[in-house]
Amino acid sequence: RDYLRQSGYKSFDMPVTLITPFIEDPLSGHAFAARHIAEIVPGRVYALSGFEFTEYYFVVSDDRRQLIGIDAGTRADSAQTAYEALRAYAPNLPQLTTIFVTHSHWDHIGGQTYFRGLNPKHRFYARSNYQEEIAGEINTPESIGKHFFGERFNLEDVRNFKPDATIDRLTKLEIGGTRIELIPVHGGETRDAMFIHLPDLGVLFVGDFIMPYLGAPFVVEGDLQGLLDAIDIVVQKNPRYMLHGHEPLTRNFSSPDMLAQLKTNLSWLRDQVLTAIRRGDTRSAIHQANLIPPGLLNGRPDALLPYLILREHVIDRLYHQNIGYWQADLEGLDHLGDSDRAELLVDYLGLSEKQLVRAVEKMAADGKYELAASLLESSSARFGRTEPIAKAERFVYLKLMEKYQSTDPFKYILYSAKIGEHTPPMATGK
């Protein structure tokens, strides 16, 4: 019973085993871990995790008279909760005067209205091309933002973001005696990325430059070459602490030496994918090829998991960027949808609801959860969500959550949203 309490669940009656630190809540969205505050550099650099989708960082200046923030979070309410928790943890911190934005994605600027109200005189720094990034992200489907950031998310707080100072080149500042380097990079995710380097503390804030999805999966962005170039900067700076915009990134991509090896592996992967595209291979065929770089298995152990985490989405992004809307296998020529596939299944193949559920159950038993989910999607236009179908659907998406709980948080978010599944926080201790 004690372990059940620590898991956050109310009952042992779960068809899957979820051991993830992830948290899913309809109001506040996704968090990667339970709330906690860590002192990366004792008394100087604070990291706040689990208060919402993104991390918060704060730095005390050398003269102890100014507090510097890195990124502004996703929502005003979560920014307030995080900042008040920091003040309770370290009540003698100086006044917040400056916030540096690593890139202008929803989850890094959406909380700016809270900080503006807190101290209208403090300064926001962002890249000079920040508006290009915002223009692209405000046109994404609204439901996507709610799944990731919760019902409380307000897109207007993103749309209205305007920094006080913009950066278009390497810029060196001194704030309260602290030397700071602002380093523009294209990054792997957005073209408005910026590293914040504190050379005297050995700290490099890198934002989401190595987000495994190479940009948000539902936005046209991402630059693999920009990622590779940014890795060179990380290696050259060789920070003692490399702090990312999300806790799993800091955990998995923490070593400059490992990133140097990862760059070699990703360059090899790019060559293989582009060759396969020219050959006319489908995206699924490229994934099924299980592309493993020479030397990966006998190389650095800490480079293996990062490569596997990135591989799927590097393939997806490169394929999307190099293929038009008609593909070599003729995919894209037609415009068939779920209702057409339901017509095929029911009117031409004679599939009944009972047969559908039986097929889904058999696929799930064989571990073919994506195939089962695809069949359910295709048939929903005809059968709807009857009790047997809803039961089968919940089981399939729970199994998909279980499958990706350690490797793909975005899939976990979308699969849980599909069935409205809440993931409670694990207990952090008695």
Protein backbone atom coordinates (compact mmCIF):
# COMPACT_ATOMS: atom_id res chain seq x y z
CA ARG A 1 0.00 0.00 0.00
CA ASP A 2 2.89 2.35 0.65
CA TYR A 3 4.19 1.80 -2.88
CA LEU A 4 0.70 2.46 -4.25
CA ARG A 5 0.62 5.73 -2.33
CA GLN A 6 4.02 6.71 -3.70
CA SER A 7 2.90 5.93 -7.26
CA GLY A 8 0.14 8.52 -7.04
CA TYR A 9 -2.55 6.06 -8.13
CA LYS A 10 -5.61 5.17 -6.05
CA SER A 11 -5.87 1.52 -7.05
CA PHE A 12 -3.84 -1.45 -8.23
CA ASP A 13 -6.44 -1.95 -10.96
CA MET A 14 -4.36 -0.72 -13.90
CA PRO A 15 -3.92 -2.75 -17.11
CA VAL A 16 -0.48 -1.23 -17.68
CA THR A 17 2.59 -0.40 -15.60
CA LEU A 18 3.48 3.29 -15.61
CA ILE A 19 6.69 4.17 -13.79
CA THR A 20 7.21 7.50 -15.50
CA PRO A 21 7.81 10.74 -13.60
CA PHE A 22 5.56 12.47 -16.18
CA ILE A 23 2.43 14.24 -14.96
CA GLU A 24 -0.69 14.82 -17.07
CA ASP A 25 -3.38 17.20 -15.85
CA PRO A 26 -6.14 18.70 -18.04
CA LEU A 27 -5.88 22.16 -16.45
CA SER A 28 -2.11 22.54 -16.18
CA GLY A 29 -0.99 20.21 -18.98
CA HIS A 30 2.20 18.17 -18.95
CA ALA A 31 5.09 18.26 -16.50
CA PHE A 32 8.18 16.13 -16.92
CA ALA A 33 8.77 15.50 -13.21
CA ALA A 34 7.53 16.26 -9.72
CA ARG A 35 8.18 19.75 -8.42
CA HIS A 36 11.60 20.37 -6.98
CA ILE A 37 14.21 23.12 -6.69
CA ALA A 38 17.91 22.40 -7.11
CA GLU A 39 20.96 24.60 -6.60
CA ILE A 40 23.15 23.85 -9.61
CA VAL A 41 25.79 26.22 -8.26
CA PRO A 42 25.03 26.61 -4.54
CA GLY A 43 23.62 30.03 -3.78
CA ARG A 44 24.10 31.21 -7.37
CA VAL A 45 22.17 29.13 -9.95
CA TYR A 46 18.73 27.70 -9.18
CA ALA A 47 16.79 25.19 -11.33
CA LEU A 48 13.03 24.79 -10.87
CA SER A 49 11.56 21.60 -12.33
CA GLY A 50 8.04 20.18 -12.47
CA PHE A 51 6.09 23.40 -12.05
CA GLU A 52 4.83 23.08 -15.61
CA PHE A 53 6.00 22.01 -19.07
CA THR A 54 9.30 23.89 -19.02
CA GLU A 55 12.17 24.57 -16.62
CA TYR A 56 12.81 27.84 -14.83
CA TYR A 57 16.34 29.00 -14.05
CA PHE A 58 17.49 31.93 -11.93
CA VAL A 59 21.00 33.28 -11.39
CA VAL A 60 22.22 35.52 -8.57
CA SER A 61 24.66 38.14 -9.84
CA ASP A 62 28.22 38.36 -8.54
CA ASP A 63 27.42 41.42 -6.43
CA ARG A 64 24.33 39.64 -4.99
CA ARG A 65 22.15 42.63 -5.91
CA GLN A 66 20.35 41.31 -9.00
CA LEU A 67 18.46 38.16 -9.95
CA ILE A 68 18.59 37.01 -13.57
CA GLY A 69 15.96 34.70 -15.07
CA ILE A 70 16.32 32.29 -17.98
CA ASP A 71 13.04 31.93 -19.91
CA ALA A 72 9.57 32.91 -18.71
CA GLY A 73 7.62 29.66 -18.74
CA THR A 74 4.32 28.79 -20.41
CA ARG A 75 1.55 30.43 -18.40
CA ALA A 76 1.25 33.33 -15.99
CA ASP A 77 -0.21 31.15 -13.22
CA SER A 78 2.58 28.56 -13.40
CA ALA A 79 5.22 31.30 -13.56
CA GLN A 80 3.77 32.79 -10.38
CA THR A 81 3.70 29.42 -8.61
CA ALA A 82 7.30 28.68 -9.57
CA TYR A 83 8.63 32.11 -8.66
CA GLU A 84 6.84 32.17 -5.31
CA ALA A 85 8.22 28.70 -4.55
CA LEU A 86 11.73 29.98 -5.26
CA ARG A 87 11.19 32.97 -2.98
CA ALA A 88 9.98 30.67 -0.21
CA TYR A 89 12.98 28.39 -0.74
CA ALA A 90 15.50 31.23 -0.77
CA PRO A 91 13.81 34.27 0.82
CA ASN A 92 16.86 36.53 0.69
CA LEU A 93 17.26 36.54 -3.08
CA PRO A 94 17.70 39.97 -4.71
CA GLN A 95 15.18 41.63 -7.01
CA LEU A 96 14.58 40.11 -10.43
CA THR A 97 15.92 42.57 -13.02
CA THR A 98 16.57 40.62 -16.24
CA ILE A 99 15.15 37.67 -18.19
CA PHE A 100 16.97 36.08 -21.12
CA VAL A 101 14.86 34.08 -23.57
CA THR A 102 16.56 31.08 -25.16
CA HIS A 103 13.93 30.94 -27.94
CA SER A 104 10.40 32.22 -28.44
CA HIS A 105 8.38 29.02 -28.25
CA TRP A 106 5.05 28.98 -26.39
CA ASP A 107 6.54 27.39 -23.28
CA HIS A 108 9.42 29.85 -22.93
CA ILE A 109 7.59 33.17 -23.25
CA GLY A 110 3.95 32.44 -22.31
CA GLY A 111 4.48 33.34 -18.65
CA GLN A 112 5.95 36.75 -19.45
CA THR A 113 2.82 38.66 -18.37
CA TYR A 114 3.34 37.57 -14.76
CA PHE A 115 6.93 38.77 -14.70
CA ARG A 116 5.97 42.04 -16.41
CA GLY A 117 3.45 42.68 -13.66
CA LEU A 118 5.96 41.76 -11.00
CA ASN A 119 8.54 44.32 -12.05
CA PRO A 120 7.71 46.46 -15.11
CA LYS A 121 11.23 47.87 -15.13
CA HIS A 122 13.11 44.64 -15.71
CA ARG A 123 14.41 43.84 -19.18
CA PHE A 124 13.63 40.92 -21.49
CA TYR A 125 16.33 39.91 -23.99
CA ALA A 126 15.50 37.75 -27.04
CA ARG A 127 16.76 37.17 -30.56
CA SER A 128 16.03 39.85 -33.15
CA ASN A 129 14.06 37.36 -35.30
CA TYR A 130 11.73 36.33 -32.47
CA GLN A 131 8.64 37.51 -34.37
CA GLU A 132 9.24 35.00 -37.17
CA GLU A 133 9.07 32.18 -34.65
CA ILE A 134 5.91 33.49 -33.00
CA ALA A 135 4.21 33.94 -36.37
CA GLY A 136 4.71 30.26 -37.15
CA GLU A 137 3.53 28.86 -33.84
CA ILE A 138 0.33 30.89 -33.39
CA ASN A 139 -1.18 29.14 -36.44
CA THR A 140 -0.95 25.63 -34.99
CA PRO A 141 -4.20 23.84 -34.02
CA GLU A 142 -5.41 25.22 -30.70
CA SER A 143 -6.15 21.74 -29.35
CA ILE A 144 -2.46 20.85 -29.56
CA GLY A 145 -1.49 23.65 -27.20
CA LYS A 146 -4.14 22.61 -24.69
CA HIS A 147 -2.90 19.01 -24.68
CA PHE A 148 0.65 20.11 -23.92
CA PHE A 149 0.16 23.22 -21.79
CA GLY A 150 -3.29 22.73 -20.24
CA GLU A 151 -6.66 24.44 -20.46
CA ARG A 152 -5.25 27.50 -18.69
CA PHE A 153 -2.84 28.23 -21.53
CA ASN A 154 -3.48 31.58 -23.20
CA LEU A 155 -2.06 32.02 -26.69
CA GLU A 156 -2.44 35.79 -26.45
CA ASP A 157 0.38 35.88 -23.91
CA VAL A 158 2.61 34.41 -26.62
CA ARG A 159 1.29 36.63 -29.39
CA ASN A 160 1.87 39.79 -27.32
CA PHE A 161 5.45 39.04 -26.31
CA LYS A 162 7.86 41.87 -27.08
CA PRO A 163 11.39 41.95 -25.65
CA ASP A 164 13.07 45.14 -24.47
CA ALA A 165 16.33 44.29 -26.22
CA THR A 166 17.04 42.07 -29.21
CA ILE A 167 20.21 40.20 -30.10
CA ASP A 168 21.49 39.48 -33.61
CA ARG A 169 25.17 38.75 -32.95
CA LEU A 170 27.49 37.56 -30.20
CA THR A 171 26.90 40.02 -27.36
CA LYS A 172 28.84 40.33 -24.11
CA LEU A 173 27.17 41.89 -21.10
CA GLU A 174 27.93 42.42 -17.44
CA ILE A 175 25.02 42.41 -14.99
CA GLY A 176 25.79 42.94 -11.34
CA GLY A 177 29.39 41.97 -11.97
CA THR A 178 28.44 38.72 -13.73
CA ARG A 179 29.95 38.23 -17.19
CA ILE A 180 27.38 36.96 -19.69
CA GLU A 181 27.75 35.92 -23.32
CA LEU A 182 24.64 35.86 -25.51
CA ILE A 183 25.33 33.53 -28.44
CA PRO A 184 22.84 33.39 -31.34
CA VAL A 185 22.48 29.92 -32.88
CA HIS A 186 20.11 28.38 -35.40
CA GLY A 187 19.78 25.40 -33.15
CA GLY A 188 17.99 22.20 -34.04
CA GLU A 189 14.56 23.47 -33.05
CA THR A 190 14.13 27.17 -33.93
CA ARG A 191 16.04 29.78 -35.90
CA ASP A 192 15.78 32.30 -33.06
CA ALA A 193 17.74 30.20 -30.55
CA MET A 194 20.21 31.82 -28.17
CA PHE A 195 22.72 30.32 -25.77
CA ILE A 196 23.34 32.15 -22.50
CA HIS A 197 26.89 31.49 -21.30
CA LEU A 198 28.20 32.37 -17.84
CA PRO A 199 31.91 31.63 -18.30
CA ASP A 200 32.98 32.34 -14.72
CA LEU A 201 30.41 29.89 -13.36
CA GLY A 202 30.95 27.29 -16.07
CA VAL A 203 27.24 27.34 -16.94
CA LEU A 204 25.69 27.26 -20.41
CA PHE A 205 21.91 27.61 -20.82
CA VAL A 206 21.08 25.97 -24.15
CA GLY A 207 17.27 26.06 -24.28
CA ASP A 208 15.84 23.43 -26.64
CA PHE A 209 18.58 23.38 -29.28
CA ILE A 210 18.69 19.58 -29.14
CA MET A 211 15.00 18.84 -28.66
CA PRO A 212 14.70 15.34 -30.20
CA TYR A 213 11.80 16.38 -32.46
CA LEU A 214 13.95 18.92 -34.33
CA GLY A 215 11.30 21.53 -33.81
CA ALA A 216 7.74 21.03 -32.63
CA PRO A 217 6.35 18.06 -34.63
CA PHE A 218 3.26 20.05 -35.64
CA VAL A 219 5.18 23.12 -36.88
CA VAL A 220 7.29 23.60 -40.02
CA GLU A 221 10.66 24.19 -38.39
CA GLY A 222 13.79 22.31 -37.39
CA ASP A 223 17.33 22.47 -38.76
CA LEU A 224 19.64 19.49 -38.40
CA GLN A 225 22.66 21.39 -39.73
CA GLY A 226 21.90 24.15 -37.24
CA LEU A 227 21.95 21.53 -34.49
CA LEU A 228 25.30 20.17 -35.64
CA ASP A 229 26.77 23.68 -35.78
CA ALA A 230 25.44 24.46 -32.31
CA ILE A 231 27.06 21.29 -30.96
CA ASP A 232 30.39 22.73 -32.12
CA ILE A 233 29.76 25.81 -29.97
CA VAL A 234 28.92 23.68 -26.94
CA VAL A 235 32.09 21.65 -27.42
CA GLN A 236 34.17 24.82 -27.80
CA LYS A 237 32.70 26.42 -24.64
CA ASN A 238 32.96 23.09 -22.76
CA PRO A 239 30.71 24.13 -19.85
CA ARG A 240 30.73 22.35 -16.53
CA TYR A 241 26.94 22.60 -16.44
CA MET A 242 24.80 22.44 -19.59
CA LEU A 243 21.21 23.32 -18.67
CA HIS A 244 18.36 22.67 -21.11
CA GLY A 245 14.79 23.91 -21.33
CA HIS A 246 13.33 20.59 -20.15
CA GLU A 247 14.47 18.21 -17.44
CA PRO A 248 14.85 15.07 -19.63
CA LEU A 249 17.12 16.99 -22.00
CA THR A 250 19.44 18.02 -19.18
CA ARG A 251 19.48 14.42 -18.00
CA ASN A 252 20.21 12.84 -21.40
CA PHE A 253 22.33 15.50 -23.15
CA SER A 254 24.67 16.70 -20.41
CA SER A 255 28.18 16.07 -21.79
CA PRO A 256 29.95 18.15 -24.47
CA ASP A 257 32.20 15.17 -25.24
CA MET A 258 29.17 12.94 -25.76
CA LEU A 259 27.59 15.55 -28.03
CA ALA A 260 30.72 15.55 -30.19
CA GLN A 261 30.26 11.81 -30.74
CA LEU A 262 26.54 12.29 -31.29
CA LYS A 263 27.27 14.83 -34.03
CA THR A 264 29.25 12.20 -35.95
CA ASN A 265 26.40 9.72 -35.60
CA LEU A 266 23.74 12.21 -36.69
CA SER A 267 25.79 13.27 -39.72
CA TRP A 268 25.99 9.61 -40.75
CA LEU A 269 22.23 9.23 -40.22
CA ARG A 270 21.49 12.26 -42.39
CA ASP A 271 23.53 10.80 -45.25
CA GLN A 272 21.67 7.49 -44.98
CA VAL A 273 18.24 9.13 -44.92
CA LEU A 274 18.92 11.40 -47.89
CA THR A 275 20.29 8.46 -49.88
CA ALA A 276 17.15 6.46 -49.06
CA ILE A 277 14.91 9.35 -50.13
CA ARG A 278 16.69 9.61 -53.48
CA ARG A 279 16.27 5.86 -53.86
CA GLY A 280 12.53 6.26 -53.44
CA ASP A 281 12.22 4.55 -50.06
CA THR A 282 9.11 5.26 -48.03
CA ARG A 283 9.37 6.82 -44.60
CA SER A 284 8.25 3.58 -42.95
CA ALA A 285 10.92 1.64 -44.86
CA ILE A 286 13.61 4.04 -43.62
CA HIS A 287 12.47 3.54 -40.03
CA GLN A 288 12.37 -0.23 -40.47
CA ALA A 289 15.97 -0.23 -41.72
CA ASN A 290 17.10 0.25 -38.07
CA LEU A 291 19.93 2.60 -39.04
CA ILE A 292 22.87 2.12 -36.65
CA PRO A 293 26.07 4.14 -37.26
CA PRO A 294 29.37 2.26 -37.46
CA GLY A 295 31.02 2.26 -34.06
CA LEU A 296 27.91 3.25 -32.09
CA LEU A 297 27.59 -0.05 -30.25
CA ASN A 298 31.31 -0.14 -29.40
CA GLY A 299 31.65 3.58 -28.72
CA ARG A 300 30.74 5.78 -25.76
CA PRO A 301 27.97 4.13 -23.72
CA ASP A 302 26.40 7.51 -22.94
CA ALA A 303 25.97 8.26 -26.67
CA LEU A 304 23.73 5.25 -27.37
CA LEU A 305 20.45 6.35 -25.78
CA PRO A 306 20.68 9.96 -27.06
CA TYR A 307 21.11 8.66 -30.61
CA LEU A 308 18.13 6.31 -30.30
CA ILE A 309 15.99 9.09 -28.81
CA LEU A 310 16.82 11.38 -31.74
CA ARG A 311 16.84 8.89 -34.60
CA GLU A 312 13.10 8.53 -35.19
CA HIS A 313 12.41 12.24 -35.37
CA VAL A 314 15.53 13.15 -37.33
CA ILE A 315 14.26 10.72 -39.96
CA ASP A 316 10.77 12.23 -39.78
CA ARG A 317 12.01 15.82 -40.08
CA LEU A 318 14.45 15.13 -42.92
CA TYR A 319 11.82 13.17 -44.81
CA HIS A 320 9.27 15.93 -44.41
CA GLN A 321 11.76 18.59 -45.51
CA ASN A 322 12.86 16.70 -48.62
CA ILE A 323 9.62 15.18 -49.91
CA GLY A 324 6.76 17.01 -51.60
CA TYR A 325 3.09 16.21 -51.18
CA TRP A 326 3.32 13.39 -53.76
CA GLN A 327 5.69 10.64 -52.73
CA ALA A 328 7.53 7.94 -54.64
CA ASP A 329 5.06 5.22 -53.60
CA LEU A 330 2.15 7.42 -54.85
CA GLU A 331 1.11 8.37 -51.33
CA GLY A 332 -0.53 11.77 -51.45
CA LEU A 333 -2.14 11.40 -54.86
CA ASP A 334 -5.52 10.63 -53.34
CA HIS A 335 -7.37 12.35 -50.52
CA LEU A 336 -8.94 9.41 -48.74
CA GLY A 337 -9.91 9.90 -45.11
CA ASP A 338 -11.18 7.86 -42.19
CA SER A 339 -14.73 7.78 -43.55
CA ASP A 340 -13.44 6.26 -46.81
CA ARG A 341 -11.45 3.63 -44.95
CA ALA A 342 -14.48 2.87 -42.76
CA GLU A 343 -16.49 2.38 -45.95
CA LEU A 344 -13.87 -0.09 -47.19
CA LEU A 345 -13.89 -2.02 -43.94
CA VAL A 346 -17.65 -2.19 -43.45
CA ASP A 347 -19.31 -1.99 -46.87
CA TYR A 348 -16.75 -3.90 -48.94
CA LEU A 349 -15.03 -6.22 -46.44
CA GLY A 350 -18.07 -6.77 -44.24
CA LEU A 351 -16.37 -5.93 -40.95
CA SER A 352 -18.71 -5.95 -37.96
CA GLU A 353 -18.21 -4.20 -34.64
CA LYS A 354 -17.58 -7.53 -32.93
CA GLN A 355 -14.95 -8.47 -35.53
CA LEU A 356 -13.34 -5.05 -35.18
CA VAL A 357 -12.97 -5.36 -31.42
CA ARG A 358 -11.65 -8.91 -31.77
CA ALA A 359 -9.05 -7.77 -34.32
CA VAL A 360 -7.96 -4.87 -32.10
CA GLU A 361 -7.59 -7.20 -29.13
CA LYS A 362 -5.50 -9.63 -31.20
CA MET A 363 -3.25 -6.83 -32.47
CA ALA A 364 -2.77 -5.59 -28.91
CA ALA A 365 -1.91 -9.09 -27.74
CA ASP A 366 0.74 -9.20 -30.47
CA GLY A 367 2.16 -5.84 -29.36
CA LYS A 368 1.00 -4.05 -32.52
CA TYR A 369 -0.49 -1.09 -30.69
CA GLU A 370 0.00 1.50 -33.43
CA LEU A 371 -1.72 -0.80 -35.93
CA ALA A 372 -4.61 -1.32 -33.53
CA ALA A 373 -4.93 2.43 -32.96
CA SER A 374 -4.93 3.01 -36.72
CA LEU A 375 -7.75 0.51 -37.18
CA LEU A 376 -9.77 2.16 -34.44
CA GLU A 377 -9.28 5.58 -36.02
CA SER A 378 -10.29 4.30 -39.45
CA SER A 379 -13.47 2.66 -38.18
CA SER A 380 -14.62 5.39 -35.80
CA ALA A 381 -16.51 7.21 -38.56
CA ARG A 382 -18.80 4.20 -38.95
CA PHE A 383 -19.06 2.59 -35.51
CA GLY A 384 -18.60 5.57 -33.21
CA ARG A 385 -17.51 4.95 -29.61
CA THR A 386 -19.70 2.14 -28.35
CA GLU A 387 -18.84 0.61 -24.99
CA PRO A 388 -16.82 -2.32 -26.45
CA ILE A 389 -14.91 0.00 -28.80
CA ALA A 390 -14.26 2.56 -26.06
CA LYS A 391 -12.91 -0.19 -23.81
CA ALA A 392 -10.62 -1.51 -26.55
CA GLU A 393 -9.51 2.02 -27.42
CA ARG A 394 -8.61 2.85 -23.83
CA PHE A 395 -6.54 -0.32 -23.50
CA VAL A 396 -4.64 0.33 -26.76
CA TYR A 397 -3.77 3.92 -25.88
CA LEU A 398 -2.76 2.94 -22.36
CA LYS A 399 -0.37 0.40 -23.89
CA LEU A 400 1.01 3.12 -26.16
CA MET A 401 1.54 5.34 -23.13
CA GLU A 402 3.32 2.48 -21.41
CA LYS A 403 5.47 1.85 -24.49
CA TYR A 404 6.71 5.43 -24.84
CA GLN A 405 6.80 6.58 -21.20
CA SER A 406 10.61 6.50 -21.06
CA THR A 407 11.55 7.60 -24.57
CA ASP A 408 8.96 9.91 -26.15
CA PRO A 409 7.08 12.36 -23.92
CA PHE A 410 5.23 14.02 -26.80
CA LYS A 411 3.70 10.71 -27.88
CA TYR A 412 2.84 10.06 -24.25
CA ILE A 413 1.05 13.41 -24.06
CA LEU A 414 -1.01 12.85 -27.20
CA TYR A 415 -1.91 9.25 -26.42
CA SER A 416 -3.05 10.19 -22.91
CA ALA A 417 -5.09 13.09 -24.33
CA LYS A 418 -6.76 10.72 -26.77
CA ILE A 419 -8.47 8.89 -23.90
CA GLY A 420 -8.44 11.70 -21.33
CA GLU A 421 -6.07 9.78 -19.07
CA HIS A 422 -4.75 11.65 -16.03
CA THR A 423 -1.24 10.78 -14.80
CA PRO A 424 -0.83 11.79 -11.14
CA PRO A 425 2.53 12.86 -9.73
CA MET A 426 4.61 10.29 -7.92
CA ALA A 427 5.29 10.99 -4.27
CA THR A 428 8.74 12.48 -3.72
CA GLY A 429 9.02 11.18 -0.17
CA LYS A 430 7.20 11.04 3.13
